[in-house]
Amino acid sequence: MSDMATAVWSALADPSRRAILDRLLHGPRPVGDLARECGLSQPGASKHLRVLREAGLVDVQRDAQRRLYAIRPAPMAELDAWLAPYRRLWNARLDALGDRLDAQATDDRKGDPS
């Protein structure tokens, strides 16, 4: 795994940073809004945004006197691509469980005297 991928995973490990990214799904936001919505102080939100920016997960743009933060989709797409084989494995296991439960339900109905 590359250093950038490690930085992305480390950034995503923190629940406050994930909450910030959740808010940014709706579009660019200033740090003050993000801090308020996530229950963080503005300096705390700024520190989390710096980590997200350094990991390549967000961009910042100046808009007059404020800075707007926005999600960078490329690192998310890379994470999704990395997770794809694991998702296929998990889905295959869930499908097998579903088949097993369906078979059990069919057997139970066959044995039901009503």
C-alpha atoms as a PDB file:
ATOM      1  CA  MET A   1       0.000   0.000   0.000  1.00  0.00           C
ATOM      2  CA  SER A   2       1.336   3.432  -0.906  1.00  0.00           C
ATOM      3  CA  ASP A   3       2.068   6.183   1.610  1.00  0.00           C
ATOM      4  CA  MET A   4      -0.891   8.135   0.208  1.00  0.00           C
ATOM      5  CA  ALA A   5      -3.243   5.179   0.696  1.00  0.00           C
ATOM      6  CA  THR A   6      -1.977   4.796   4.258  1.00  0.00           C
ATOM      7  CA  ALA A   7      -2.638   8.499   4.874  1.00  0.00           C
ATOM      8  CA  VAL A   8      -6.171   8.122   3.501  1.00  0.00           C
ATOM      9  CA  TRP A   9      -6.935   5.148   5.766  1.00  0.00           C
ATOM     10  CA  SER A  10      -5.456   6.964   8.766  1.00  0.00           C
ATOM     11  CA  ALA A  11      -7.549  10.045   8.018  1.00  0.00           C
ATOM     12  CA  LEU A  12     -10.716   7.972   7.696  1.00  0.00           C
ATOM     13  CA  ALA A  13     -10.078   6.176  10.992  1.00  0.00           C
ATOM     14  CA  ASP A  14     -11.291   9.178  12.981  1.00  0.00           C
ATOM     15  CA  PRO A  15     -15.083   9.483  13.406  1.00  0.00           C
ATOM     16  CA  SER A  16     -14.970  13.311  13.400  1.00  0.00           C
ATOM     17  CA  ARG A  17     -13.225  13.313  10.040  1.00  0.00           C
ATOM     18  CA  ARG A  18     -15.787  10.853   8.654  1.00  0.00           C
ATOM     19  CA  ALA A  19     -18.554  13.150   9.953  1.00  0.00           C
ATOM     20  CA  ILE A  20     -16.941  16.085   8.153  1.00  0.00           C
ATOM     21  CA  LEU A  21     -16.802  14.088   4.915  1.00  0.00           C
ATOM     22  CA  ASP A  22     -20.468  13.154   5.362  1.00  0.00           C
ATOM     23  CA  ARG A  23     -21.347  16.872   5.534  1.00  0.00           C
ATOM     24  CA  LEU A  24     -19.227  17.593   2.461  1.00  0.00           C
ATOM     25  CA  LEU A  25     -21.255  15.103   0.412  1.00  0.00           C
ATOM     26  CA  HIS A  26     -23.810  17.896   0.033  1.00  0.00           C
ATOM     27  CA  GLY A  27     -21.297  20.322  -1.435  1.00  0.00           C
ATOM     28  CA  PRO A  28     -18.496  22.693  -0.406  1.00  0.00           C
ATOM     29  CA  ARG A  29     -18.750  24.130   3.098  1.00  0.00           C
ATOM     30  CA  PRO A  30     -16.863  26.657   5.222  1.00  0.00           C
ATOM     31  CA  VAL A  31     -15.062  25.445   8.329  1.00  0.00           C
ATOM     32  CA  GLY A  32     -17.480  27.255  10.658  1.00  0.00           C
ATOM     33  CA  ASP A  33     -20.479  25.359   9.297  1.00  0.00           C
ATOM     34  CA  LEU A  34     -18.630  22.057   9.488  1.00  0.00           C
ATOM     35  CA  ALA A  35     -17.522  22.724  13.068  1.00  0.00           C
ATOM     36  CA  ARG A  36     -21.044  23.605  14.195  1.00  0.00           C
ATOM     37  CA  GLU A  37     -22.704  20.668  12.428  1.00  0.00           C
ATOM     38  CA  CYS A  38     -20.147  18.167  13.750  1.00  0.00           C
ATOM     39  CA  GLY A  39     -20.086  19.533  17.300  1.00  0.00           C
ATOM     40  CA  LEU A  40     -16.450  20.609  17.067  1.00  0.00           C
ATOM     41  CA  SER A  41     -14.634  23.801  17.933  1.00  0.00           C
ATOM     42  CA  GLN A  42     -13.469  25.749  14.907  1.00  0.00           C
ATOM     43  CA  PRO A  43      -9.781  25.049  15.697  1.00  0.00           C
ATOM     44  CA  GLY A  44     -10.628  21.351  16.130  1.00  0.00           C
ATOM     45  CA  ALA A  45     -12.468  21.237  12.812  1.00  0.00           C
ATOM     46  CA  SER A  46      -9.552  23.053  11.156  1.00  0.00           C
ATOM     47  CA  LYS A  47      -7.119  20.416  12.442  1.00  0.00           C
ATOM     48  CA  HIS A  48      -9.304  17.615  11.086  1.00  0.00           C
ATOM     49  CA  LEU A  49      -9.639  19.417   7.753  1.00  0.00           C
ATOM     50  CA  ARG A  50      -5.855  19.790   7.572  1.00  0.00           C
ATOM     51  CA  VAL A  51      -5.466  16.004   8.014  1.00  0.00           C
ATOM     52  CA  LEU A  52      -8.111  15.370   5.341  1.00  0.00           C
ATOM     53  CA  ARG A  53      -6.414  17.858   2.997  1.00  0.00           C
ATOM     54  CA  GLU A  54      -2.967  16.323   3.554  1.00  0.00           C
ATOM     55  CA  ALA A  55      -4.430  12.875   2.826  1.00  0.00           C
ATOM     56  CA  GLY A  56      -5.817  14.248  -0.446  1.00  0.00           C
ATOM     57  CA  LEU A  57      -9.454  13.739   0.550  1.00  0.00           C
ATOM     58  CA  VAL A  58     -10.528  17.398   0.440  1.00  0.00           C
ATOM     59  CA  ASP A  59      -9.627  20.527  -1.465  1.00  0.00           C
ATOM     60  CA  VAL A  60      -9.867  24.070  -0.177  1.00  0.00           C
ATOM     61  CA  GLN A  61     -10.819  27.156  -2.179  1.00  0.00           C
ATOM     62  CA  ARG A  62     -10.893  30.784  -1.138  1.00  0.00           C
ATOM     63  CA  ASP A  63     -14.231  32.542  -1.439  1.00  0.00           C
ATOM     64  CA  ALA A  64     -13.703  36.167  -0.432  1.00  0.00           C
ATOM     65  CA  GLN A  65     -12.875  36.057   3.302  1.00  0.00           C
ATOM     66  CA  ARG A  66     -13.634  32.378   3.869  1.00  0.00           C
ATOM     67  CA  ARG A  67     -12.297  29.032   2.795  1.00  0.00           C
ATOM     68  CA  LEU A  68     -14.613  26.424   1.328  1.00  0.00           C
ATOM     69  CA  TYR A  69     -13.783  22.747   1.686  1.00  0.00           C
ATOM     70  CA  ALA A  70     -14.931  20.125  -0.816  1.00  0.00           C
ATOM     71  CA  ILE A  71     -14.442  16.375  -1.260  1.00  0.00           C
ATOM     72  CA  ARG A  72     -11.912  15.202  -3.811  1.00  0.00           C
ATOM     73  CA  PRO A  73     -13.546  12.170  -5.466  1.00  0.00           C
ATOM     74  CA  ALA A  74     -10.378  10.515  -6.837  1.00  0.00           C
ATOM     75  CA  PRO A  75      -9.099   9.095  -3.517  1.00  0.00           C
ATOM     76  CA  MET A  76     -12.590   7.769  -2.762  1.00  0.00           C
ATOM     77  CA  ALA A  77     -12.652   6.021  -6.142  1.00  0.00           C
ATOM     78  CA  GLU A  78      -9.253   4.483  -5.371  1.00  0.00           C
ATOM     79  CA  LEU A  79     -10.559   3.213  -2.021  1.00  0.00           C
ATOM     80  CA  ASP A  80     -13.634   1.789  -3.721  1.00  0.00           C
ATOM     81  CA  ALA A  81     -11.442  -0.018  -6.269  1.00  0.00           C
ATOM     82  CA  TRP A  82      -9.262  -1.422  -3.490  1.00  0.00           C
ATOM     83  CA  LEU A  83     -12.333  -2.631  -1.570  1.00  0.00           C
ATOM     84  CA  ALA A  84     -14.014  -4.236  -4.624  1.00  0.00           C
ATOM     85  CA  PRO A  85     -12.496  -7.734  -4.224  1.00  0.00           C
ATOM     86  CA  TYR A  86     -13.386  -7.755  -0.529  1.00  0.00           C
ATOM     87  CA  ARG A  87     -16.910  -6.643  -1.329  1.00  0.00           C
ATOM     88  CA  ARG A  88     -17.234  -9.501  -3.853  1.00  0.00           C
ATOM     89  CA  LEU A  89     -16.021 -11.951  -1.204  1.00  0.00           C
ATOM     90  CA  TRP A  90     -18.491 -10.610   1.356  1.00  0.00           C
ATOM     91  CA  ASN A  91     -21.364 -10.622  -1.165  1.00  0.00           C
ATOM     92  CA  ALA A  92     -20.588 -14.225  -2.124  1.00  0.00           C
ATOM     93  CA  ARG A  93     -20.773 -15.226   1.536  1.00  0.00           C
ATOM     94  CA  LEU A  94     -24.030 -13.335   2.029  1.00  0.00           C
ATOM     95  CA  ASP A  95     -25.465 -15.020  -1.073  1.00  0.00           C
ATOM     96  CA  ALA A  96     -24.486 -18.424   0.319  1.00  0.00           C
ATOM     97  CA  LEU A  97     -26.130 -17.572   3.643  1.00  0.00           C
ATOM     98  CA  GLY A  98     -29.276 -16.442   1.825  1.00  0.00           C
ATOM     99  CA  ASP A  99     -29.374 -19.699  -0.134  1.00  0.00           C
ATOM    100  CA  ARG A 100     -28.975 -21.663   3.085  1.00  0.00           C
ATOM    101  CA  LEU A 101     -31.771 -19.737   4.807  1.00  0.00           C
ATOM    102  CA  ASP A 102     -34.060 -20.158   1.783  1.00  0.00           C
ATOM    103  CA  ALA A 103     -33.408 -23.912   1.773  1.00  0.00           C
ATOM    104  CA  GLN A 104     -34.096 -24.078   5.518  1.00  0.00           C
ATOM    105  CA  ALA A 105     -37.369 -22.171   5.091  1.00  0.00           C
ATOM    106  CA  THR A 106     -38.427 -24.539   2.285  1.00  0.00           C
ATOM    107  CA  ASP A 107     -37.592 -27.574   4.450  1.00  0.00           C
ATOM    108  CA  ASP A 108     -39.545 -26.053   7.359  1.00  0.00           C
ATOM    109  CA  ARG A 109     -42.612 -25.505   5.135  1.00  0.00           C
ATOM    110  CA  LYS A 110     -42.473 -29.083   3.855  1.00  0.00           C
ATOM    111  CA  GLY A 111     -42.449 -30.397   7.393  1.00  0.00           C
ATOM    112  CA  ASP A 112     -45.249 -28.074   8.615  1.00  0.00           C
ATOM    113  CA  PRO A 113     -48.437 -30.122   9.158  1.00  0.00           C
ATOM    114  CA  SER A 114     -50.805 -27.137   8.760  1.00  0.00           C
END
